[in-house]
């Protein structure tokens, strides 16, 4: 999928939670996992699961 290539280039992949440039807890391929002041949880996300999460989000998008 072309969207995979775009997301991988723009977001990259991180297996452990981090704060994005806007301060939100994030993991995988730019997946927000909490609010700005939430603590960072400790876990490791396999890349295959990150892509499955992305694909699930894409499947929910309904064209206008």
Protein backbone atom coordinates (compact mmCIF):
# COMPACT_ATOMS: atom_id res chain seq x y z
CA UNK A 1 0.00 0.00 0.00
CA UNK A 2 1.23 3.47 -0.84
CA UNK A 3 -0.05 4.74 2.52
CA UNK A 4 2.38 2.38 4.27
CA UNK A 5 5.33 3.92 2.44
CA UNK A 6 4.15 7.44 3.24
CA UNK A 7 3.57 6.67 6.92
CA UNK A 8 6.87 4.86 7.30
CA UNK A 9 8.72 7.83 5.79
CA UNK A 10 6.79 10.49 7.73
CA UNK A 11 6.26 8.79 11.09
CA UNK A 12 8.91 6.10 11.27
CA UNK A 13 8.55 3.26 13.77
CA UNK A 14 9.27 3.13 17.48
CA UNK A 15 8.65 -0.06 19.42
CA UNK A 16 8.49 1.68 22.79
CA UNK A 17 6.28 4.60 23.83
CA UNK A 18 7.64 8.13 23.39
CA UNK A 19 6.32 11.69 23.34
CA UNK A 20 5.54 13.07 19.89
CA UNK A 21 6.47 16.62 18.96
CA UNK A 22 3.10 17.77 20.38
CA UNK A 23 3.78 16.06 23.73
CA UNK A 24 1.35 13.14 23.43
CA UNK A 25 2.31 9.58 24.38
CA UNK A 26 2.80 7.76 21.08
CA UNK A 27 3.99 4.35 19.90
CA UNK A 28 4.49 2.31 16.78
CA UNK A 29 3.86 4.29 13.59
CA UNK A 30 2.68 7.57 15.09
CA UNK A 31 -0.21 6.05 17.07
CA UNK A 32 -1.34 8.39 19.87
CA UNK A 33 -1.98 6.35 23.03
CA UNK A 34 -2.90 8.97 25.59
CA UNK A 35 -3.40 12.58 26.54
CA UNK A 36 -0.68 15.18 26.83
CA UNK A 37 -0.05 14.78 30.56
CA UNK A 38 -0.40 10.99 30.72
CA UNK A 39 2.68 9.06 31.81
CA UNK A 40 4.49 6.92 29.27
CA UNK A 41 3.63 3.25 29.75
CA UNK A 42 6.42 0.69 29.47
CA UNK A 43 5.97 -1.98 26.81
CA UNK A 44 7.39 -3.11 23.49
CA UNK A 45 5.16 -3.14 20.40
CA UNK A 46 6.19 -5.52 17.61
CA UNK A 47 6.34 -3.87 14.18
CA UNK A 48 3.82 -6.38 12.79
CA UNK A 49 1.31 -5.30 15.44
CA UNK A 50 1.97 -1.63 14.69
CA UNK A 51 1.13 -2.23 11.01
CA UNK A 52 -1.98 -4.22 11.94
CA UNK A 53 -3.07 -1.25 14.07
CA UNK A 54 -2.48 1.12 11.14
CA UNK A 55 -4.44 -1.16 8.81
CA UNK A 56 -7.33 -1.31 11.29
CA UNK A 57 -7.40 2.50 11.43
CA UNK A 58 -7.31 2.74 7.64
CA UNK A 59 -10.20 0.25 7.36
CA UNK A 60 -12.35 2.54 9.50
CA UNK A 61 -11.89 5.53 7.19
CA UNK A 62 -14.99 6.10 5.13
CA UNK A 63 -14.58 8.08 1.90
CA UNK A 64 -16.63 11.26 1.64
